[in-house]
Amino acid sequence: MRDPERIPRFLVIVEKIWKQSPDLRFYQMIANCLPYDKDSYYIEDPELLARLIQTYGLEADDEN
């Protein structure tokens, strides 16, 4: 079973990104950080979270 504690961390990051760029649709926000070289369906949560943080220029401490 995946750790349910990962969910609040994602929600905090998604909220910060969306508030910075409110004109983005949800999928645009996610797709902007997905790689083109592999099937994004299989990206694990930690990798996606790191890509969100990097793509949108958040600081590591913004995760909390």
PDB file of N, CA and C in Angstrom:
ATOM      1  N   MET A   1       0.841  -1.181   0.000  1.00  0.00           N
ATOM      2  CA  MET A   1       0.000   0.000   0.000  1.00  0.00           C
ATOM      3  C   MET A   1       0.886   1.244   0.000  1.00  0.00           C
ATOM      4  N   ARG A   2       0.505   2.207  -0.766  1.00  0.00           N
ATOM      5  CA  ARG A   2       1.260   3.459  -0.820  1.00  0.00           C
ATOM      6  C   ARG A   2       0.967   4.294   0.423  1.00  0.00           C
ATOM      7  N   ASP A   3       1.967   5.065   0.808  1.00  0.00           N
ATOM      8  CA  ASP A   3       1.867   5.890   2.004  1.00  0.00           C
ATOM      9  C   ASP A   3       0.827   7.003   1.814  1.00  0.00           C
ATOM     10  N   PRO A   4      -0.245   7.003   2.577  1.00  0.00           N
ATOM     11  CA  PRO A   4      -1.252   8.052   2.433  1.00  0.00           C
ATOM     12  C   PRO A   4      -0.743   9.431   2.848  1.00  0.00           C
ATOM     13  N   GLU A   5       0.377   9.483   3.553  1.00  0.00           N
ATOM     14  CA  GLU A   5       0.943  10.768   3.972  1.00  0.00           C
ATOM     15  C   GLU A   5       1.519  11.560   2.797  1.00  0.00           C
ATOM     16  N   ARG A   6       1.664  10.926   1.636  1.00  0.00           N
ATOM     17  CA  ARG A   6       2.171  11.638   0.461  1.00  0.00           C
ATOM     18  C   ARG A   6       1.129  12.610  -0.078  1.00  0.00           C
ATOM     19  N   ILE A   7      -0.121  12.382   0.178  1.00  0.00           N
ATOM     20  CA  ILE A   7      -1.207  13.176  -0.402  1.00  0.00           C
ATOM     21  C   ILE A   7      -1.164  14.634   0.053  1.00  0.00           C
ATOM     22  N   PRO A   8      -1.062  14.939   1.337  1.00  0.00           N
ATOM     23  CA  PRO A   8      -1.004  16.354   1.736  1.00  0.00           C
ATOM     24  C   PRO A   8       0.167  17.108   1.125  1.00  0.00           C
ATOM     25  N   ARG A   9       1.330  16.441   0.979  1.00  0.00           N
ATOM     26  CA  ARG A   9       2.491  17.101   0.363  1.00  0.00           C
ATOM     27  C   ARG A   9       2.169  17.507  -1.072  1.00  0.00           C
ATOM     28  N   PHE A  10       1.540  16.625  -1.818  1.00  0.00           N
ATOM     29  CA  PHE A  10       1.154  16.947  -3.194  1.00  0.00           C
ATOM     30  C   PHE A  10       0.169  18.097  -3.237  1.00  0.00           C
ATOM     31  N   LEU A  11      -0.804  18.071  -2.369  1.00  0.00           N
ATOM     32  CA  LEU A  11      -1.833  19.109  -2.388  1.00  0.00           C
ATOM     33  C   LEU A  11      -1.254  20.486  -2.093  1.00  0.00           C
ATOM     34  N   VAL A  12      -0.292  20.554  -1.183  1.00  0.00           N
ATOM     35  CA  VAL A  12       0.354  21.827  -0.876  1.00  0.00           C
ATOM     36  C   VAL A  12       1.086  22.361  -2.106  1.00  0.00           C
ATOM     37  N   ILE A  13       1.830  21.494  -2.770  1.00  0.00           N
ATOM     38  CA  ILE A  13       2.585  21.914  -3.954  1.00  0.00           C
ATOM     39  C   ILE A  13       1.644  22.320  -5.083  1.00  0.00           C
ATOM     40  N   VAL A  14       0.635  21.510  -5.349  1.00  0.00           N
ATOM     41  CA  VAL A  14      -0.316  21.830  -6.421  1.00  0.00           C
ATOM     42  C   VAL A  14      -1.014  23.156  -6.138  1.00  0.00           C
ATOM     43  N   GLU A  15      -1.399  23.385  -4.906  1.00  0.00           N
ATOM     44  CA  GLU A  15      -2.061  24.647  -4.557  1.00  0.00           C
ATOM     45  C   GLU A  15      -1.134  25.842  -4.811  1.00  0.00           C
ATOM     46  N   LYS A  16       0.127  25.728  -4.400  1.00  0.00           N
ATOM     47  CA  LYS A  16       1.074  26.837  -4.605  1.00  0.00           C
ATOM     48  C   LYS A  16       1.281  27.120  -6.082  1.00  0.00           C
ATOM     49  N   ILE A  17       1.437  26.063  -6.865  1.00  0.00           N
ATOM     50  CA  ILE A  17       1.656  26.239  -8.303  1.00  0.00           C
ATOM     51  C   ILE A  17       0.429  26.874  -8.939  1.00  0.00           C
ATOM     52  N   TRP A  18      -0.727  26.361  -8.629  1.00  0.00           N
ATOM     53  CA  TRP A  18      -1.948  26.848  -9.258  1.00  0.00           C
ATOM     54  C   TRP A  18      -2.237  28.294  -8.889  1.00  0.00           C
ATOM     55  N   LYS A  19      -1.924  28.676  -7.663  1.00  0.00           N
ATOM     56  CA  LYS A  19      -2.120  30.071  -7.258  1.00  0.00           C
ATOM     57  C   LYS A  19      -1.139  30.995  -7.975  1.00  0.00           C
ATOM     58  N   GLN A  20       0.059  30.494  -8.295  1.00  0.00           N
ATOM     59  CA  GLN A  20       1.036  31.282  -9.048  1.00  0.00           C
ATOM     60  C   GLN A  20       0.603  31.454 -10.502  1.00  0.00           C
ATOM     61  N   SER A  21      -0.085  30.446 -11.030  1.00  0.00           N
ATOM     62  CA  SER A  21      -0.475  30.430 -12.445  1.00  0.00           C
ATOM     63  C   SER A  21      -1.938  30.008 -12.575  1.00  0.00           C
ATOM     64  N   PRO A  22      -2.863  30.837 -12.115  1.00  0.00           N
ATOM     65  CA  PRO A  22      -4.274  30.420 -12.064  1.00  0.00           C
ATOM     66  C   PRO A  22      -4.926  30.219 -13.431  1.00  0.00           C
ATOM     67  N   ASP A  23      -4.286  30.687 -14.501  1.00  0.00           N
ATOM     68  CA  ASP A  23      -4.864  30.486 -15.828  1.00  0.00           C
ATOM     69  C   ASP A  23      -4.590  29.090 -16.395  1.00  0.00           C
ATOM     70  N   LEU A  24      -3.697  28.348 -15.753  1.00  0.00           N
ATOM     71  CA  LEU A  24      -3.436  26.985 -16.208  1.00  0.00           C
ATOM     72  C   LEU A  24      -4.619  26.082 -15.867  1.00  0.00           C
ATOM     73  N   ARG A  25      -4.935  25.204 -16.797  1.00  0.00           N
ATOM     74  CA  ARG A  25      -5.872  24.133 -16.459  1.00  0.00           C
ATOM     75  C   ARG A  25      -5.075  23.073 -15.702  1.00  0.00           C
ATOM     76  N   PHE A  26      -5.758  22.250 -14.926  1.00  0.00           N
ATOM     77  CA  PHE A  26      -5.065  21.273 -14.085  1.00  0.00           C
ATOM     78  C   PHE A  26      -4.127  20.388 -14.905  1.00  0.00           C
ATOM     79  N   TYR A  27      -4.634  19.839 -15.992  1.00  0.00           N
ATOM     80  CA  TYR A  27      -3.777  18.931 -16.761  1.00  0.00           C
ATOM     81  C   TYR A  27      -2.588  19.669 -17.375  1.00  0.00           C
ATOM     82  N   GLN A  28      -2.767  20.913 -17.771  1.00  0.00           N
ATOM     83  CA  GLN A  28      -1.637  21.686 -18.299  1.00  0.00           C
ATOM     84  C   GLN A  28      -0.539  21.791 -17.247  1.00  0.00           C
ATOM     85  N   MET A  29      -0.953  22.067 -16.010  1.00  0.00           N
ATOM     86  CA  MET A  29      -0.002  22.213 -14.926  1.00  0.00           C
ATOM     87  C   MET A  29       0.814  20.926 -14.750  1.00  0.00           C
ATOM     88  N   ILE A  30       0.153  19.784 -14.811  1.00  0.00           N
ATOM     89  CA  ILE A  30       0.840  18.506 -14.650  1.00  0.00           C
ATOM     90  C   ILE A  30       1.655  18.175 -15.898  1.00  0.00           C
ATOM     91  N   ALA A  31       1.059  18.328 -17.073  1.00  0.00           N
ATOM     92  CA  ALA A  31       1.729  17.946 -18.316  1.00  0.00           C
ATOM     93  C   ALA A  31       2.997  18.753 -18.567  1.00  0.00           C
ATOM     94  N   ASN A  32       3.044  19.984 -18.093  1.00  0.00           N
ATOM     95  CA  ASN A  32       4.232  20.813 -18.291  1.00  0.00           C
ATOM     96  C   ASN A  32       5.487  20.205 -17.690  1.00  0.00           C
ATOM     97  N   CYS A  33       5.353  19.345 -16.717  1.00  0.00           N
ATOM     98  CA  CYS A  33       6.544  18.786 -16.072  1.00  0.00           C
ATOM     99  C   CYS A  33       6.766  17.317 -16.400  1.00  0.00           C
ATOM    100  N   LEU A  34       5.957  16.756 -17.288  1.00  0.00           N
ATOM    101  CA  LEU A  34       6.119  15.340 -17.630  1.00  0.00           C
ATOM    102  C   LEU A  34       7.127  15.175 -18.764  1.00  0.00           C
ATOM    103  N   PRO A  35       7.901  14.107 -18.705  1.00  0.00           N
ATOM    104  CA  PRO A  35       8.874  13.856 -19.766  1.00  0.00           C
ATOM    105  C   PRO A  35       8.180  13.343 -21.028  1.00  0.00           C
ATOM    106  N   TYR A  36       8.807  13.600 -22.153  1.00  0.00           N
ATOM    107  CA  TYR A  36       8.274  13.102 -23.421  1.00  0.00           C
ATOM    108  C   TYR A  36       8.870  11.748 -23.782  1.00  0.00           C
ATOM    109  N   ASP A  37       9.914  11.345 -23.076  1.00  0.00           N
ATOM    110  CA  ASP A  37      10.651  10.149 -23.473  1.00  0.00           C
ATOM    111  C   ASP A  37      10.175   8.855 -22.820  1.00  0.00           C
ATOM    112  N   LYS A  38       9.175   8.915 -21.965  1.00  0.00           N
ATOM    113  CA  LYS A  38       8.646   7.673 -21.401  1.00  0.00           C
ATOM    114  C   LYS A  38       7.171   7.856 -21.074  1.00  0.00           C
ATOM    115  N   ASP A  39       6.529   6.770 -20.859  1.00  0.00           N
ATOM    116  CA  ASP A  39       5.104   6.794 -20.572  1.00  0.00           C
ATOM    117  C   ASP A  39       4.884   7.378 -19.179  1.00  0.00           C
ATOM    118  N   SER A  40       4.290   8.554 -19.118  1.00  0.00           N
ATOM    119  CA  SER A  40       4.110   9.249 -17.842  1.00  0.00           C
ATOM    120  C   SER A  40       3.160   8.529 -16.903  1.00  0.00           C
ATOM    121  N   TYR A  41       2.427   7.577 -17.392  1.00  0.00           N
ATOM    122  CA  TYR A  41       1.511   6.800 -16.545  1.00  0.00           C
ATOM    123  C   TYR A  41       2.279   6.083 -15.427  1.00  0.00           C
ATOM    124  N   TYR A  42       3.533   5.758 -15.681  1.00  0.00           N
ATOM    125  CA  TYR A  42       4.314   4.968 -14.736  1.00  0.00           C
ATOM    126  C   TYR A  42       5.238   5.789 -13.851  1.00  0.00           C
ATOM    127  N   ILE A  43       5.162   7.102 -13.904  1.00  0.00           N
ATOM    128  CA  ILE A  43       6.007   7.927 -13.050  1.00  0.00           C
ATOM    129  C   ILE A  43       5.570   7.752 -11.597  1.00  0.00           C
ATOM    130  N   GLU A  44       6.530   7.489 -10.743  1.00  0.00           N
ATOM    131  CA  GLU A  44       6.233   7.332  -9.320  1.00  0.00           C
ATOM    132  C   GLU A  44       6.037   8.708  -8.683  1.00  0.00           C
ATOM    133  N   ASP A  45       5.294   8.728  -7.596  1.00  0.00           N
ATOM    134  CA  ASP A  45       4.947   9.977  -6.931  1.00  0.00           C
ATOM    135  C   ASP A  45       6.150  10.845  -6.563  1.00  0.00           C
ATOM    136  N   PRO A  46       7.202  10.295  -5.974  1.00  0.00           N
ATOM    137  CA  PRO A  46       8.338  11.162  -5.622  1.00  0.00           C
ATOM    138  C   PRO A  46       8.952  11.855  -6.838  1.00  0.00           C
ATOM    139  N   GLU A  47       9.009  11.147  -7.971  1.00  0.00           N
ATOM    140  CA  GLU A  47       9.558  11.755  -9.179  1.00  0.00           C
ATOM    141  C   GLU A  47       8.646  12.869  -9.688  1.00  0.00           C
ATOM    142  N   LEU A  48       7.353  12.642  -9.689  1.00  0.00           N
ATOM    143  CA  LEU A  48       6.421  13.673 -10.139  1.00  0.00           C
ATOM    144  C   LEU A  48       6.487  14.893  -9.231  1.00  0.00           C
ATOM    145  N   LEU A  49       6.538  14.677  -7.935  1.00  0.00           N
ATOM    146  CA  LEU A  49       6.620  15.788  -6.999  1.00  0.00           C
ATOM    147  C   LEU A  49       7.895  16.599  -7.236  1.00  0.00           C
ATOM    148  N   ALA A  50       9.013  15.900  -7.433  1.00  0.00           N
ATOM    149  CA  ALA A  50      10.281  16.592  -7.707  1.00  0.00           C
ATOM    150  C   ALA A  50      10.200  17.379  -9.015  1.00  0.00           C
ATOM    151  N   ARG A  51       9.560  16.815 -10.017  1.00  0.00           N
ATOM    152  CA  ARG A  51       9.421  17.512 -11.305  1.00  0.00           C
ATOM    153  C   ARG A  51       8.536  18.745 -11.173  1.00  0.00           C
ATOM    154  N   LEU A  52       7.465  18.644 -10.403  1.00  0.00           N
ATOM    155  CA  LEU A  52       6.606  19.807 -10.169  1.00  0.00           C
ATOM    156  C   LEU A  52       7.398  20.930  -9.509  1.00  0.00           C
ATOM    157  N   ILE A  53       8.138  20.585  -8.467  1.00  0.00           N
ATOM    158  CA  ILE A  53       8.926  21.576  -7.733  1.00  0.00           C
ATOM    159  C   ILE A  53       9.963  22.218  -8.648  1.00  0.00           C
ATOM    160  N   GLN A  54      10.654  21.401  -9.438  1.00  0.00           N
ATOM    161  CA  GLN A  54      11.693  21.919 -10.326  1.00  0.00           C
ATOM    162  C   GLN A  54      11.086  22.754 -11.465  1.00  0.00           C
ATOM    163  N   THR A  55      10.062  22.248 -12.104  1.00  0.00           N
ATOM    164  CA  THR A  55       9.470  22.926 -13.260  1.00  0.00           C
ATOM    165  C   THR A  55       8.931  24.298 -12.898  1.00  0.00           C
ATOM    166  N   TYR A  56       8.315  24.404 -11.732  1.00  0.00           N
ATOM    167  CA  TYR A  56       7.671  25.654 -11.353  1.00  0.00           C
ATOM    168  C   TYR A  56       8.517  26.502 -10.409  1.00  0.00           C
ATOM    169  N   GLY A  57       9.770  26.103 -10.229  1.00  0.00           N
ATOM    170  CA  GLY A  57      10.722  26.937  -9.506  1.00  0.00           C
ATOM    171  C   GLY A  57      10.419  27.104  -8.023  1.00  0.00           C
ATOM    172  N   LEU A  58       9.844  26.085  -7.413  1.00  0.00           N
ATOM    173  CA  LEU A  58       9.599  26.157  -5.976  1.00  0.00           C
ATOM    174  C   LEU A  58      10.861  25.759  -5.235  1.00  0.00           C
ATOM    175  N   GLU A  59      10.974  26.232  -4.041  1.00  0.00           N
ATOM    176  CA  GLU A  59      12.090  25.854  -3.184  1.00  0.00           C
ATOM    177  C   GLU A  59      11.745  24.538  -2.492  1.00  0.00           C
ATOM    178  N   ALA A  60      12.748  23.790  -2.096  1.00  0.00           N
ATOM    179  CA  ALA A  60      12.527  22.506  -1.421  1.00  0.00           C
ATOM    180  C   ALA A  60      11.671  22.685  -0.180  1.00  0.00           C
ATOM    181  N   ASP A  61      11.840  23.802   0.534  1.00  0.00           N
ATOM    182  CA  ASP A  61      11.069  24.001   1.756  1.00  0.00           C
ATOM    183  C   ASP A  61       9.616  24.391   1.459  1.00  0.00           C
ATOM    184  N   ASP A  62       9.285  24.692   0.201  1.00  0.00           N
ATOM    185  CA  ASP A  62       7.889  24.961  -0.165  1.00  0.00           C
ATOM    186  C   ASP A  62       7.042  23.705  -0.085  1.00  0.00           C
ATOM    187  N   GLU A  63       7.718  22.580   0.010  1.00  0.00           N
ATOM    188  CA  GLU A  63       6.992  21.317   0.079  1.00  0.00           C
ATOM    189  C   GLU A  63       6.218  21.209   1.387  1.00  0.00           C
ATOM    190  N   ASN A  64       6.638  21.928   2.395  1.00  0.00           N
ATOM    191  CA  ASN A  64       5.987  21.831   3.714  1.00  0.00           C
ATOM    192  C   ASN A  64       5.045  22.984   3.944  1.00  0.00           C
TER     193      ASN A  64
END
